[in-house]
Amino acid sequence: MSPPRRAILRALATVTTLTLLTGATGCGGDATAGGKQTTELRYQGSVGQVTLPELAADLGYLGDVTLNWIGNVTGGPQDIQATATGQSDFGGAFNGAIVKLAAANAPITAVVSYYGSDAQTFQGYYVLDDSPIRNPRDLIGRKVGMNTLGAHAEAVLKTWLARGGLSPAEVKQVELVALPPVNTEQSLRQKQIDVAVLGGVIRDKAVAGGGIRTIFTDYALLGAFSGGTYVFRDDFVKRNPETVKAFVTGVGKAIEWARTQPRETVVARMRDIIGKRGRNEDPSLVAYWKSSGVAGRGGVISEQEFGTWIDWLAAEGELRGDRPKPADIYTNRFNPFVDGGGA
């Protein structure tokens, strides 16, 4: 896929500070001096939704590894920042955000894809039915609401605007607004924003409510691709390789389970998981689940999924020092699905 002209990764502006912090951060629940590997992984979840690790745990695919939910997060950059600073053991984000963080010497490695776009699951850019917005130039001077700045939604939007002929100066006139995903649809309907970026089950629920239409989607623009990966700190991986392998294997198996089961079976399982965990959530969103969107079998990561963003960031002068290689940022060595294998 083609990278955007100016995808602003402002959510990672503090990355240098974070990198300094990681050097002084403790290892939390890492393996003990005696060599025993940790079997508990701290993580952040998503309100009213079931993540792939949560699904894997419920299916029994994580083996002896357990998950310790420490709260919810609304954006990928914040999630991987928590991992980089040792507040969580793993986190997930848009691959472009991971490139930026890794390029600033944050000691993290991506290990498995967890979301993407396909014909069933994608991120769409929506307006009200009576909106005059129909093409890229119509967005000049308009407000676009998205879950977080500097990540997937912004990068794809900038790609669309650039392909639509907007100059960098014109692109800057499109105002981006960060909103919690659960509030984005309401903000659009109340005309607080002009365009809402909606994905997954939140998008499907909004579309089912009527009154909105698509101006474009990431899938129509870029085709099928895995957009984000889970990362671990390098020191955690070194001390707990079997735990990381169990995690990657379990997530990969959950991806394939969800891919091969009837949709109704997956939805029922997710609804049951939400009910059992007792977080006082509305389970209605999972009824709109269609797929994970992950392109690679078992979440196997392709070089292009990072190479594209390395190329763009380097061309834009966003990378300082030596240009990283995809192999410096991700690994498939823990994934049994690599090279056509299986778990």
C-alpha atoms as a PDB file:
ATOM      1  CA  MET A   1       0.000   0.000   0.000  1.00  0.00           C
ATOM      2  CA  SER A   2       1.074   3.545  -0.569  1.00  0.00           C
ATOM      3  CA  PRO A   3       1.889   5.604   2.535  1.00  0.00           C
ATOM      4  CA  PRO A   4       0.355   9.059   3.016  1.00  0.00           C
ATOM      5  CA  ARG A   5       2.081  12.327   2.276  1.00  0.00           C
ATOM      6  CA  ARG A   6       1.907  13.667   5.822  1.00  0.00           C
ATOM      7  CA  ALA A   7       0.585  11.197   8.399  1.00  0.00           C
ATOM      8  CA  ILE A   8       1.166  12.952  11.697  1.00  0.00           C
ATOM      9  CA  LEU A   9       2.290  10.644  14.480  1.00  0.00           C
ATOM     10  CA  ARG A  10       1.884  13.252  17.198  1.00  0.00           C
ATOM     11  CA  ALA A  11       0.647  10.715  19.712  1.00  0.00           C
ATOM     12  CA  LEU A  12       4.215   9.457  19.832  1.00  0.00           C
ATOM     13  CA  ALA A  13       5.819  12.871  20.256  1.00  0.00           C
ATOM     14  CA  THR A  14       6.986  11.914  23.724  1.00  0.00           C
ATOM     15  CA  VAL A  15       8.699   8.795  22.487  1.00  0.00           C
ATOM     16  CA  THR A  16      12.221   9.979  23.283  1.00  0.00           C
ATOM     17  CA  THR A  17      11.238  10.576  26.879  1.00  0.00           C
ATOM     18  CA  LEU A  18       9.558   7.196  26.997  1.00  0.00           C
ATOM     19  CA  THR A  19      12.668   5.539  25.656  1.00  0.00           C
ATOM     20  CA  LEU A  20      14.716   7.063  28.452  1.00  0.00           C
ATOM     21  CA  LEU A  21      12.169   5.865  30.962  1.00  0.00           C
ATOM     22  CA  THR A  22      12.307   2.293  29.721  1.00  0.00           C
ATOM     23  CA  GLY A  23      15.920   2.016  30.741  1.00  0.00           C
ATOM     24  CA  ALA A  24      14.968   2.642  34.353  1.00  0.00           C
ATOM     25  CA  THR A  25      11.704   0.708  34.404  1.00  0.00           C
ATOM     26  CA  GLY A  26      11.499  -2.503  36.379  1.00  0.00           C
ATOM     27  CA  CYS A  27      10.578  -5.762  34.768  1.00  0.00           C
ATOM     28  CA  GLY A  28       7.321  -6.211  36.665  1.00  0.00           C
ATOM     29  CA  GLY A  29       6.298  -9.853  36.587  1.00  0.00           C
ATOM     30  CA  ASP A  30       9.254 -11.060  34.507  1.00  0.00           C
ATOM     31  CA  ALA A  31      11.123 -14.280  35.094  1.00  0.00           C
ATOM     32  CA  THR A  32      12.835 -14.605  38.439  1.00  0.00           C
ATOM     33  CA  ALA A  33      16.558 -14.905  38.976  1.00  0.00           C
ATOM     34  CA  GLY A  34      16.089 -18.657  39.243  1.00  0.00           C
ATOM     35  CA  GLY A  35      15.006 -18.799  35.629  1.00  0.00           C
ATOM     36  CA  LYS A  36      11.281 -19.433  36.077  1.00  0.00           C
ATOM     37  CA  GLN A  37       9.328 -17.646  33.358  1.00  0.00           C
ATOM     38  CA  THR A  38       6.317 -15.527  34.185  1.00  0.00           C
ATOM     39  CA  THR A  39       2.965 -16.976  33.239  1.00  0.00           C
ATOM     40  CA  GLU A  40       0.880 -13.852  33.866  1.00  0.00           C
ATOM     41  CA  LEU A  41       0.624 -11.080  31.275  1.00  0.00           C
ATOM     42  CA  ARG A  42      -0.597  -7.598  32.165  1.00  0.00           C
ATOM     43  CA  TYR A  43      -2.593  -5.927  29.406  1.00  0.00           C
ATOM     44  CA  GLN A  44      -5.131  -3.247  28.540  1.00  0.00           C
ATOM     45  CA  GLY A  45      -8.482  -4.130  27.024  1.00  0.00           C
ATOM     46  CA  SER A  46     -11.281  -2.418  25.127  1.00  0.00           C
ATOM     47  CA  VAL A  47     -14.712  -1.546  26.519  1.00  0.00           C
ATOM     48  CA  GLY A  48     -17.487  -3.803  25.257  1.00  0.00           C
ATOM     49  CA  GLN A  49     -15.196  -5.757  22.962  1.00  0.00           C
ATOM     50  CA  VAL A  50     -13.161  -8.950  23.120  1.00  0.00           C
ATOM     51  CA  THR A  51      -9.515  -8.848  22.087  1.00  0.00           C
ATOM     52  CA  LEU A  52      -7.812 -11.790  20.425  1.00  0.00           C
ATOM     53  CA  PRO A  53      -5.733 -12.618  23.533  1.00  0.00           C
ATOM     54  CA  GLU A  54      -8.948 -12.639  25.587  1.00  0.00           C
ATOM     55  CA  LEU A  55     -10.564 -14.947  23.054  1.00  0.00           C
ATOM     56  CA  ALA A  56      -7.478 -17.175  23.034  1.00  0.00           C
ATOM     57  CA  ALA A  57      -7.515 -17.409  26.825  1.00  0.00           C
ATOM     58  CA  ASP A  58     -11.191 -18.358  26.898  1.00  0.00           C
ATOM     59  CA  LEU A  59     -10.633 -21.026  24.247  1.00  0.00           C
ATOM     60  CA  GLY A  60      -7.800 -22.503  26.300  1.00  0.00           C
ATOM     61  CA  TYR A  61      -5.208 -21.667  23.654  1.00  0.00           C
ATOM     62  CA  LEU A  62      -2.765 -19.900  25.988  1.00  0.00           C
ATOM     63  CA  GLY A  63      -1.890 -22.993  27.987  1.00  0.00           C
ATOM     64  CA  ASP A  64      -0.514 -22.035  31.406  1.00  0.00           C
ATOM     65  CA  VAL A  65      -0.339 -18.341  30.499  1.00  0.00           C
ATOM     66  CA  THR A  66      -2.978 -16.142  32.121  1.00  0.00           C
ATOM     67  CA  LEU A  67      -4.046 -12.554  31.418  1.00  0.00           C
ATOM     68  CA  ASN A  68      -4.204  -9.790  34.009  1.00  0.00           C
ATOM     69  CA  TRP A  69      -6.447  -6.940  32.854  1.00  0.00           C
ATOM     70  CA  ILE A  70      -5.172  -3.606  34.215  1.00  0.00           C
ATOM     71  CA  GLY A  71      -7.693  -1.299  32.533  1.00  0.00           C
ATOM     72  CA  ASN A  72      -8.939  -0.164  29.143  1.00  0.00           C
ATOM     73  CA  VAL A  73      -7.274   1.903  26.434  1.00  0.00           C
ATOM     74  CA  THR A  74      -8.768   3.778  23.471  1.00  0.00           C
ATOM     75  CA  GLY A  75      -5.762   4.042  21.158  1.00  0.00           C
ATOM     76  CA  GLY A  76      -2.819   1.971  19.994  1.00  0.00           C
ATOM     77  CA  PRO A  77      -0.068   4.561  20.603  1.00  0.00           C
ATOM     78  CA  GLN A  78      -1.062   4.770  24.266  1.00  0.00           C
ATOM     79  CA  ASP A  79      -1.164   0.981  24.480  1.00  0.00           C
ATOM     80  CA  ILE A  80       2.360   0.411  23.181  1.00  0.00           C
ATOM     81  CA  GLN A  81       3.692   3.312  25.241  1.00  0.00           C
ATOM     82  CA  ALA A  82       2.453   1.481  28.335  1.00  0.00           C
ATOM     83  CA  THR A  83       4.324  -1.608  27.188  1.00  0.00           C
ATOM     84  CA  ALA A  84       7.496   0.320  26.376  1.00  0.00           C
ATOM     85  CA  THR A  85       7.549   1.820  29.868  1.00  0.00           C
ATOM     86  CA  GLY A  86       6.817  -1.483  31.600  1.00  0.00           C
ATOM     87  CA  GLN A  87       3.291  -0.648  32.755  1.00  0.00           C
ATOM     88  CA  SER A  88       1.939  -3.568  30.726  1.00  0.00           C
ATOM     89  CA  ASP A  89       3.557  -6.695  29.308  1.00  0.00           C
ATOM     90  CA  PHE A  90       2.137  -6.435  25.794  1.00  0.00           C
ATOM     91  CA  GLY A  91       0.288  -3.850  23.745  1.00  0.00           C
ATOM     92  CA  GLY A  92      -0.969  -3.412  20.219  1.00  0.00           C
ATOM     93  CA  ALA A  93      -0.938  -0.570  17.708  1.00  0.00           C
ATOM     94  CA  PHE A  94      -0.873   0.473  14.077  1.00  0.00           C
ATOM     95  CA  ASN A  95       2.388  -0.659  12.471  1.00  0.00           C
ATOM     96  CA  GLY A  96       3.387   2.883  11.502  1.00  0.00           C
ATOM     97  CA  ALA A  97       3.216   3.929  15.150  1.00  0.00           C
ATOM     98  CA  ILE A  98       5.350   0.940  16.106  1.00  0.00           C
ATOM     99  CA  VAL A  99       7.963   1.906  13.505  1.00  0.00           C
ATOM    100  CA  LYS A 100       8.186   5.407  14.972  1.00  0.00           C
ATOM    101  CA  LEU A 101       8.521   4.126  18.513  1.00  0.00           C
ATOM    102  CA  ALA A 102      11.092   1.477  17.602  1.00  0.00           C
ATOM    103  CA  ALA A 103      13.080   3.960  15.508  1.00  0.00           C
ATOM    104  CA  ALA A 104      13.443   6.123  18.619  1.00  0.00           C
ATOM    105  CA  ASN A 105      15.237   3.169  20.238  1.00  0.00           C
ATOM    106  CA  ALA A 106      12.353   1.933  22.351  1.00  0.00           C
ATOM    107  CA  PRO A 107      13.249  -1.710  23.139  1.00  0.00           C
ATOM    108  CA  ILE A 108      10.166  -3.403  21.692  1.00  0.00           C
ATOM    109  CA  THR A 109       9.526  -6.136  19.132  1.00  0.00           C
ATOM    110  CA  ALA A 110       6.317  -6.904  17.230  1.00  0.00           C
ATOM    111  CA  VAL A 111       5.408 -10.592  17.375  1.00  0.00           C
ATOM    112  CA  VAL A 112       1.956 -11.188  15.831  1.00  0.00           C
ATOM    113  CA  SER A 113      -0.643  -9.284  13.789  1.00  0.00           C
ATOM    114  CA  TYR A 114      -3.968  -8.709  15.502  1.00  0.00           C
ATOM    115  CA  TYR A 115      -6.096  -6.488  13.258  1.00  0.00           C
ATOM    116  CA  GLY A 116      -6.433  -5.524   9.640  1.00  0.00           C
ATOM    117  CA  SER A 117      -8.837  -4.696   6.862  1.00  0.00           C
ATOM    118  CA  ASP A 118     -10.672  -6.989   4.489  1.00  0.00           C
ATOM    119  CA  ALA A 119     -13.990  -7.072   2.667  1.00  0.00           C
ATOM    120  CA  GLN A 120     -15.861  -7.737   5.919  1.00  0.00           C
ATOM    121  CA  THR A 121     -13.915  -5.747   8.486  1.00  0.00           C
ATOM    122  CA  PHE A 122     -12.531  -2.338   7.612  1.00  0.00           C
ATOM    123  CA  GLN A 123     -12.276   1.257   8.741  1.00  0.00           C
ATOM    124  CA  GLY A 124     -14.690   3.631   7.057  1.00  0.00           C
ATOM    125  CA  TYR A 125     -14.945   7.402   6.848  1.00  0.00           C
ATOM    126  CA  TYR A 126     -18.570   8.430   7.277  1.00  0.00           C
ATOM    127  CA  VAL A 127     -20.692  11.556   6.888  1.00  0.00           C
ATOM    128  CA  LEU A 128     -24.378  12.281   7.413  1.00  0.00           C
ATOM    129  CA  ASP A 129     -26.604  11.446   4.454  1.00  0.00           C
ATOM    130  CA  ASP A 130     -27.238  15.122   3.695  1.00  0.00           C
ATOM    131  CA  SER A 131     -23.581  16.164   3.976  1.00  0.00           C
ATOM    132  CA  PRO A 132     -22.072  17.945   0.944  1.00  0.00           C
ATOM    133  CA  ILE A 133     -18.776  16.085   1.489  1.00  0.00           C
ATOM    134  CA  ARG A 134     -18.055  13.611  -1.310  1.00  0.00           C
ATOM    135  CA  ASN A 135     -14.401  13.944  -2.310  1.00  0.00           C
ATOM    136  CA  PRO A 136     -11.041  14.796  -0.698  1.00  0.00           C
ATOM    137  CA  ARG A 137     -11.177  18.499  -1.490  1.00  0.00           C
ATOM    138  CA  ASP A 138     -14.502  18.801   0.337  1.00  0.00           C
ATOM    139  CA  LEU A 139     -12.684  18.070   3.607  1.00  0.00           C
ATOM    140  CA  ILE A 140     -10.693  21.310   3.601  1.00  0.00           C
ATOM    141  CA  GLY A 141     -11.766  23.254   6.679  1.00  0.00           C
ATOM    142  CA  ARG A 142     -13.772  20.324   8.041  1.00  0.00           C
ATOM    143  CA  LYS A 143     -13.465  18.319  11.275  1.00  0.00           C
ATOM    144  CA  VAL A 144     -12.688  14.599  11.193  1.00  0.00           C
ATOM    145  CA  GLY A 145     -13.196  12.586  14.390  1.00  0.00           C
ATOM    146  CA  MET A 146     -11.081   9.490  15.063  1.00  0.00           C
ATOM    147  CA  ASN A 147     -10.089   7.367  18.039  1.00  0.00           C
ATOM    148  CA  THR A 148      -6.502   8.611  18.259  1.00  0.00           C
ATOM    149  CA  LEU A 149      -4.174  10.898  16.359  1.00  0.00           C
ATOM    150  CA  GLY A 150      -0.964   9.712  14.776  1.00  0.00           C
ATOM    151  CA  ALA A 151      -2.129   6.205  14.005  1.00  0.00           C
ATOM    152  CA  HIS A 152      -4.076   4.121  11.481  1.00  0.00           C
ATOM    153  CA  ALA A 153      -7.052   6.438  10.951  1.00  0.00           C
ATOM    154  CA  GLU A 154      -4.918   9.510  10.367  1.00  0.00           C
ATOM    155  CA  ALA A 155      -2.409   7.745   8.125  1.00  0.00           C
ATOM    156  CA  VAL A 156      -5.126   6.339   5.866  1.00  0.00           C
ATOM    157  CA  LEU A 157      -6.909   9.702   5.728  1.00  0.00           C
ATOM    158  CA  LYS A 158      -3.698  11.464   4.677  1.00  0.00           C
ATOM    159  CA  THR A 159      -3.181   8.848   1.974  1.00  0.00           C
ATOM    160  CA  TRP A 160      -6.660   9.517   0.578  1.00  0.00           C
ATOM    161  CA  LEU A 161      -6.208  13.286   0.693  1.00  0.00           C
ATOM    162  CA  ALA A 162      -2.824  13.106  -1.031  1.00  0.00           C
ATOM    163  CA  ARG A 163      -4.158  10.817  -3.746  1.00  0.00           C
ATOM    164  CA  GLY A 164      -7.024  13.262  -4.175  1.00  0.00           C
ATOM    165  CA  GLY A 165      -4.580  15.978  -5.155  1.00  0.00           C
ATOM    166  CA  LEU A 166      -4.427  18.032  -1.971  1.00  0.00           C
ATOM    167  CA  SER A 167      -1.169  19.857  -1.291  1.00  0.00           C
ATOM    168  CA  PRO A 168       0.540  19.534   2.107  1.00  0.00           C
ATOM    169  CA  ALA A 169      -0.735  23.007   2.998  1.00  0.00           C
ATOM    170  CA  GLU A 170      -4.301  22.019   2.115  1.00  0.00           C
ATOM    171  CA  VAL A 171      -4.027  18.781   4.074  1.00  0.00           C
ATOM    172  CA  LYS A 172      -3.140  20.804   7.164  1.00  0.00           C
ATOM    173  CA  GLN A 173      -6.473  22.610   6.831  1.00  0.00           C
ATOM    174  CA  VAL A 174      -8.335  19.387   7.606  1.00  0.00           C
ATOM    175  CA  GLU A 175      -8.890  19.454  11.373  1.00  0.00           C
ATOM    176  CA  LEU A 176      -8.413  16.164  13.213  1.00  0.00           C
ATOM    177  CA  VAL A 177     -10.251  15.540  16.483  1.00  0.00           C
ATOM    178  CA  ALA A 178      -9.468  12.679  18.883  1.00  0.00           C
ATOM    179  CA  LEU A 179     -12.621  11.071  20.302  1.00  0.00           C
ATOM    180  CA  PRO A 180     -13.347   7.889  22.266  1.00  0.00           C
ATOM    181  CA  PRO A 181     -14.614   5.286  19.759  1.00  0.00           C
ATOM    182  CA  VAL A 182     -17.930   4.894  21.569  1.00  0.00           C
ATOM    183  CA  ASN A 183     -18.608   8.655  21.231  1.00  0.00           C
ATOM    184  CA  THR A 184     -17.600   9.188  17.602  1.00  0.00           C
ATOM    185  CA  GLU A 185     -20.933   8.227  16.022  1.00  0.00           C
ATOM    186  CA  GLN A 186     -22.863  10.452  18.425  1.00  0.00           C
ATOM    187  CA  SER A 187     -20.547  13.382  17.687  1.00  0.00           C
ATOM    188  CA  LEU A 188     -21.237  12.968  13.970  1.00  0.00           C
ATOM    189  CA  ARG A 189     -25.009  12.776  14.406  1.00  0.00           C
ATOM    190  CA  GLN A 190     -24.946  15.868  16.625  1.00  0.00           C
ATOM    191  CA  LYS A 191     -22.874  17.656  13.953  1.00  0.00           C
ATOM    192  CA  GLN A 192     -19.962  18.303  16.294  1.00  0.00           C
ATOM    193  CA  ILE A 193     -17.721  16.809  13.594  1.00  0.00           C
ATOM    194  CA  ASP A 194     -18.152  16.532   9.830  1.00  0.00           C
ATOM    195  CA  VAL A 195     -16.602  13.100   9.289  1.00  0.00           C
ATOM    196  CA  ALA A 196     -16.464  10.119  11.634  1.00  0.00           C
ATOM    197  CA  VAL A 197     -13.865   7.392  11.317  1.00  0.00           C
ATOM    198  CA  LEU A 198     -15.582   4.175  12.352  1.00  0.00           C
ATOM    199  CA  GLY A 199     -14.253   0.641  12.381  1.00  0.00           C
ATOM    200  CA  GLY A 200     -15.216  -2.876  13.353  1.00  0.00           C
ATOM    201  CA  VAL A 201     -18.340  -3.507  15.365  1.00  0.00           C
ATOM    202  CA  ILE A 202     -18.737   0.192  16.210  1.00  0.00           C
ATOM    203  CA  ARG A 203     -18.953   0.967  12.498  1.00  0.00           C
ATOM    204  CA  ASP A 204     -21.453  -1.790  11.809  1.00  0.00           C
ATOM    205  CA  LYS A 205     -23.705  -0.661  14.632  1.00  0.00           C
ATOM    206  CA  ALA A 206     -23.603   2.937  13.385  1.00  0.00           C
ATOM    207  CA  VAL A 207     -24.407   1.897   9.813  1.00  0.00           C
ATOM    208  CA  ALA A 208     -27.307  -0.227  11.042  1.00  0.00           C
ATOM    209  CA  GLY A 209     -28.736   2.906  12.659  1.00  0.00           C
ATOM    210  CA  GLY A 210     -29.054   4.574   9.246  1.00  0.00           C
ATOM    211  CA  GLY A 211     -28.637   8.205   8.277  1.00  0.00           C
ATOM    212  CA  ILE A 212     -24.941   8.014   7.395  1.00  0.00           C
ATOM    213  CA  ARG A 213     -22.976   7.141   4.265  1.00  0.00           C
ATOM    214  CA  THR A 214     -19.410   6.222   3.371  1.00  0.00           C
ATOM    215  CA  ILE A 215     -17.044   8.557   1.557  1.00  0.00           C
ATOM    216  CA  PHE A 216     -14.259   5.954   1.451  1.00  0.00           C
ATOM    217  CA  THR A 217     -12.783   2.981   3.338  1.00  0.00           C
ATOM    218  CA  ASP A 218      -9.241   1.832   4.006  1.00  0.00           C
ATOM    219  CA  TYR A 219     -10.013  -1.484   2.299  1.00  0.00           C
ATOM    220  CA  ALA A 220     -11.233   0.203  -0.904  1.00  0.00           C
ATOM    221  CA  LEU A 221      -8.199   2.480  -0.855  1.00  0.00           C
ATOM    222  CA  LEU A 222      -5.459   0.011   0.051  1.00  0.00           C
ATOM    223  CA  GLY A 223      -6.819  -3.511  -0.332  1.00  0.00           C
ATOM    224  CA  ALA A 224      -6.600  -6.265   2.282  1.00  0.00           C
ATOM    225  CA  PHE A 225      -3.776  -5.861   4.790  1.00  0.00           C
ATOM    226  CA  SER A 226      -2.851  -6.420   8.422  1.00  0.00           C
ATOM    227  CA  GLY A 227      -2.609  -3.026  10.026  1.00  0.00           C
ATOM    228  CA  GLY A 228      -1.375  -3.611  13.558  1.00  0.00           C
ATOM    229  CA  THR A 229       0.670  -5.959  15.710  1.00  0.00           C
ATOM    230  CA  TYR A 230       1.193  -6.843  19.356  1.00  0.00           C
ATOM    231  CA  VAL A 231       4.562  -5.905  20.835  1.00  0.00           C
ATOM    232  CA  PHE A 232       6.595  -7.013  23.853  1.00  0.00           C
ATOM    233  CA  ARG A 233       9.598  -5.370  25.460  1.00  0.00           C
ATOM    234  CA  ASP A 234      12.854  -6.959  24.340  1.00  0.00           C
ATOM    235  CA  ASP A 235      13.959  -7.740  27.887  1.00  0.00           C
ATOM    236  CA  PHE A 236      10.653  -9.486  28.541  1.00  0.00           C
ATOM    237  CA  VAL A 237      11.096 -11.607  25.416  1.00  0.00           C
ATOM    238  CA  LYS A 238      14.646 -12.527  26.418  1.00  0.00           C
ATOM    239  CA  ARG A 239      13.597 -13.630  29.899  1.00  0.00           C
ATOM    240  CA  ASN A 240      10.304 -15.256  28.933  1.00  0.00           C
ATOM    241  CA  PRO A 241      10.625 -16.763  25.438  1.00  0.00           C
ATOM    242  CA  GLU A 242       8.299 -19.683  26.138  1.00  0.00           C
ATOM    243  CA  THR A 243       5.641 -17.350  27.501  1.00  0.00           C
ATOM    244  CA  VAL A 244       5.859 -15.186  24.384  1.00  0.00           C
ATOM    245  CA  LYS A 245       5.676 -18.299  22.208  1.00  0.00           C
ATOM    246  CA  ALA A 246       2.576 -19.486  24.066  1.00  0.00           C
ATOM    247  CA  PHE A 247       0.998 -16.051  23.614  1.00  0.00           C
ATOM    248  CA  VAL A 248       1.742 -15.838  19.881  1.00  0.00           C
ATOM    249  CA  THR A 249       0.621 -19.423  19.303  1.00  0.00           C
ATOM    250  CA  GLY A 250      -2.598 -18.832  21.218  1.00  0.00           C
ATOM    251  CA  VAL A 251      -3.418 -15.597  19.402  1.00  0.00           C
ATOM    252  CA  GLY A 252      -2.674 -17.274  16.064  1.00  0.00           C
ATOM    253  CA  LYS A 253      -4.977 -20.170  16.898  1.00  0.00           C
ATOM    254  CA  ALA A 254      -7.700 -17.734  17.991  1.00  0.00           C
ATOM    255  CA  ILE A 255      -7.388 -15.887  14.670  1.00  0.00           C
ATOM    256  CA  GLU A 256      -7.872 -19.112  12.741  1.00  0.00           C
ATOM    257  CA  TRP A 257     -10.651 -20.332  15.023  1.00  0.00           C
ATOM    258  CA  ALA A 258     -12.564 -17.100  14.418  1.00  0.00           C
ATOM    259  CA  ARG A 259     -11.820 -17.301  10.690  1.00  0.00           C
ATOM    260  CA  THR A 260     -13.212 -20.827  10.331  1.00  0.00           C
ATOM    261  CA  GLN A 261     -16.162 -20.820  12.732  1.00  0.00           C
ATOM    262  CA  PRO A 262     -19.646 -19.604  11.801  1.00  0.00           C
ATOM    263  CA  ARG A 263     -19.977 -15.937  12.688  1.00  0.00           C
ATOM    264  CA  GLU A 264     -22.801 -16.704  15.107  1.00  0.00           C
ATOM    265  CA  THR A 265     -20.529 -19.059  17.050  1.00  0.00           C
ATOM    266  CA  VAL A 266     -17.832 -16.407  17.430  1.00  0.00           C
ATOM    267  CA  VAL A 267     -20.331 -13.740  18.474  1.00  0.00           C
ATOM    268  CA  ALA A 268     -21.894 -16.038  21.073  1.00  0.00           C
ATOM    269  CA  ARG A 269     -18.480 -16.824  22.514  1.00  0.00           C
ATOM    270  CA  MET A 270     -17.544 -13.152  22.731  1.00  0.00           C
ATOM    271  CA  ARG A 271     -20.834 -12.272  24.380  1.00  0.00           C
ATOM    272  CA  ASP A 272     -20.235 -15.013  26.929  1.00  0.00           C
ATOM    273  CA  ILE A 273     -16.710 -13.724  27.646  1.00  0.00           C
ATOM    274  CA  ILE A 274     -18.000 -10.206  28.289  1.00  0.00           C
ATOM    275  CA  GLY A 275     -20.678 -11.535  30.609  1.00  0.00           C
ATOM    276  CA  LYS A 276     -18.244 -13.643  32.620  1.00  0.00           C
ATOM    277  CA  ARG A 277     -15.611 -10.965  33.177  1.00  0.00           C
ATOM    278  CA  GLY A 278     -17.971  -8.695  35.105  1.00  0.00           C
ATOM    279  CA  ARG A 279     -16.848  -5.245  33.962  1.00  0.00           C
ATOM    280  CA  ASN A 280     -20.368  -3.813  33.732  1.00  0.00           C
ATOM    281  CA  GLU A 281     -20.182  -3.471  29.935  1.00  0.00           C
ATOM    282  CA  ASP A 282     -22.766  -3.313  27.176  1.00  0.00           C
ATOM    283  CA  PRO A 283     -22.254  -6.505  25.117  1.00  0.00           C
ATOM    284  CA  SER A 284     -24.351  -5.299  22.169  1.00  0.00           C
ATOM    285  CA  LEU A 285     -21.344  -4.300  20.058  1.00  0.00           C
ATOM    286  CA  VAL A 286     -20.086  -7.847  19.571  1.00  0.00           C
ATOM    287  CA  ALA A 287     -23.278  -8.732  17.699  1.00  0.00           C
ATOM    288  CA  TYR A 288     -21.832  -6.777  14.774  1.00  0.00           C
ATOM    289  CA  TRP A 289     -18.489  -8.641  14.685  1.00  0.00           C
ATOM    290  CA  LYS A 290     -17.583 -10.044  11.250  1.00  0.00           C
ATOM    291  CA  SER A 291     -13.851 -10.846  11.169  1.00  0.00           C
ATOM    292  CA  SER A 292     -10.494  -9.878  12.671  1.00  0.00           C
ATOM    293  CA  GLY A 293      -9.325  -8.594   9.291  1.00  0.00           C
ATOM    294  CA  VAL A 294      -5.892 -10.153   9.819  1.00  0.00           C
ATOM    295  CA  ALA A 295      -4.355 -10.974   6.438  1.00  0.00           C
ATOM    296  CA  GLY A 296      -1.633 -13.460   7.372  1.00  0.00           C
ATOM    297  CA  ARG A 297      -2.533 -16.954   8.538  1.00  0.00           C
ATOM    298  CA  GLY A 298      -2.228 -17.161  12.292  1.00  0.00           C
ATOM    299  CA  GLY A 299      -1.187 -13.521  12.438  1.00  0.00           C
ATOM    300  CA  VAL A 300       2.091 -14.038  10.587  1.00  0.00           C
ATOM    301  CA  ILE A 301       3.654 -10.634   9.882  1.00  0.00           C
ATOM    302  CA  SER A 302       4.839  -9.722   6.376  1.00  0.00           C
ATOM    303  CA  GLU A 303       7.875  -7.541   5.745  1.00  0.00           C
ATOM    304  CA  GLN A 304       5.821  -5.112   3.652  1.00  0.00           C
ATOM    305  CA  GLU A 305       3.534  -4.372   6.595  1.00  0.00           C
ATOM    306  CA  PHE A 306       6.475  -2.597   8.228  1.00  0.00           C
ATOM    307  CA  GLY A 307       8.603  -1.789   5.183  1.00  0.00           C
ATOM    308  CA  THR A 308       5.937   0.508   3.759  1.00  0.00           C
ATOM    309  CA  TRP A 309       5.989   2.722   6.833  1.00  0.00           C
ATOM    310  CA  ILE A 310       9.758   2.678   7.198  1.00  0.00           C
ATOM    311  CA  ASP A 311      10.031   3.950   3.610  1.00  0.00           C
ATOM    312  CA  TRP A 312       7.528   6.715   4.194  1.00  0.00           C
ATOM    313  CA  LEU A 313       8.919   7.861   7.526  1.00  0.00           C
ATOM    314  CA  ALA A 314      12.431   7.992   6.069  1.00  0.00           C
ATOM    315  CA  ALA A 315      11.256   9.978   3.035  1.00  0.00           C
ATOM    316  CA  GLU A 316       9.499  12.473   5.297  1.00  0.00           C
ATOM    317  CA  GLY A 317      12.516  12.931   7.544  1.00  0.00           C
ATOM    318  CA  GLU A 318      10.694  11.432  10.516  1.00  0.00           C
ATOM    319  CA  LEU A 319      13.450   8.912  11.252  1.00  0.00           C
ATOM    320  CA  ARG A 320      16.573  10.120  12.999  1.00  0.00           C
ATOM    321  CA  GLY A 321      19.867   8.305  12.552  1.00  0.00           C
ATOM    322  CA  ASP A 322      20.157   4.992  10.751  1.00  0.00           C
ATOM    323  CA  ARG A 323      17.093   3.752   8.918  1.00  0.00           C
ATOM    324  CA  PRO A 324      15.685   0.652  10.647  1.00  0.00           C
ATOM    325  CA  LYS A 325      14.993  -2.562   8.793  1.00  0.00           C
ATOM    326  CA  PRO A 326      11.711  -4.463   9.153  1.00  0.00           C
ATOM    327  CA  ALA A 327      13.645  -7.356  10.689  1.00  0.00           C
ATOM    328  CA  ASP A 328      14.791  -4.962  13.423  1.00  0.00           C
ATOM    329  CA  ILE A 329      11.189  -4.330  14.426  1.00  0.00           C
ATOM    330  CA  TYR A 330       9.293  -7.601  14.115  1.00  0.00           C
ATOM    331  CA  THR A 331       9.821 -11.338  14.308  1.00  0.00           C
ATOM    332  CA  ASN A 332       7.817 -14.410  13.294  1.00  0.00           C
ATOM    333  CA  ARG A 333      10.088 -16.806  15.179  1.00  0.00           C
ATOM    334  CA  PHE A 334       7.475 -17.480  17.846  1.00  0.00           C
ATOM    335  CA  ASN A 335       4.672 -18.136  15.339  1.00  0.00           C
ATOM    336  CA  PRO A 336       4.049 -21.782  14.388  1.00  0.00           C
ATOM    337  CA  PHE A 337       1.992 -20.644  11.382  1.00  0.00           C
ATOM    338  CA  VAL A 338       5.015 -19.171   9.587  1.00  0.00           C
ATOM    339  CA  ASP A 339       5.953 -20.884   6.296  1.00  0.00           C
ATOM    340  CA  GLY A 340       2.575 -22.576   6.127  1.00  0.00           C
ATOM    341  CA  GLY A 341       2.851 -24.327   9.483  1.00  0.00           C
ATOM    342  CA  GLY A 342       0.156 -24.664  12.090  1.00  0.00           C
ATOM    343  CA  ALA A 343      -0.306 -24.890  15.819  1.00  0.00           C
END
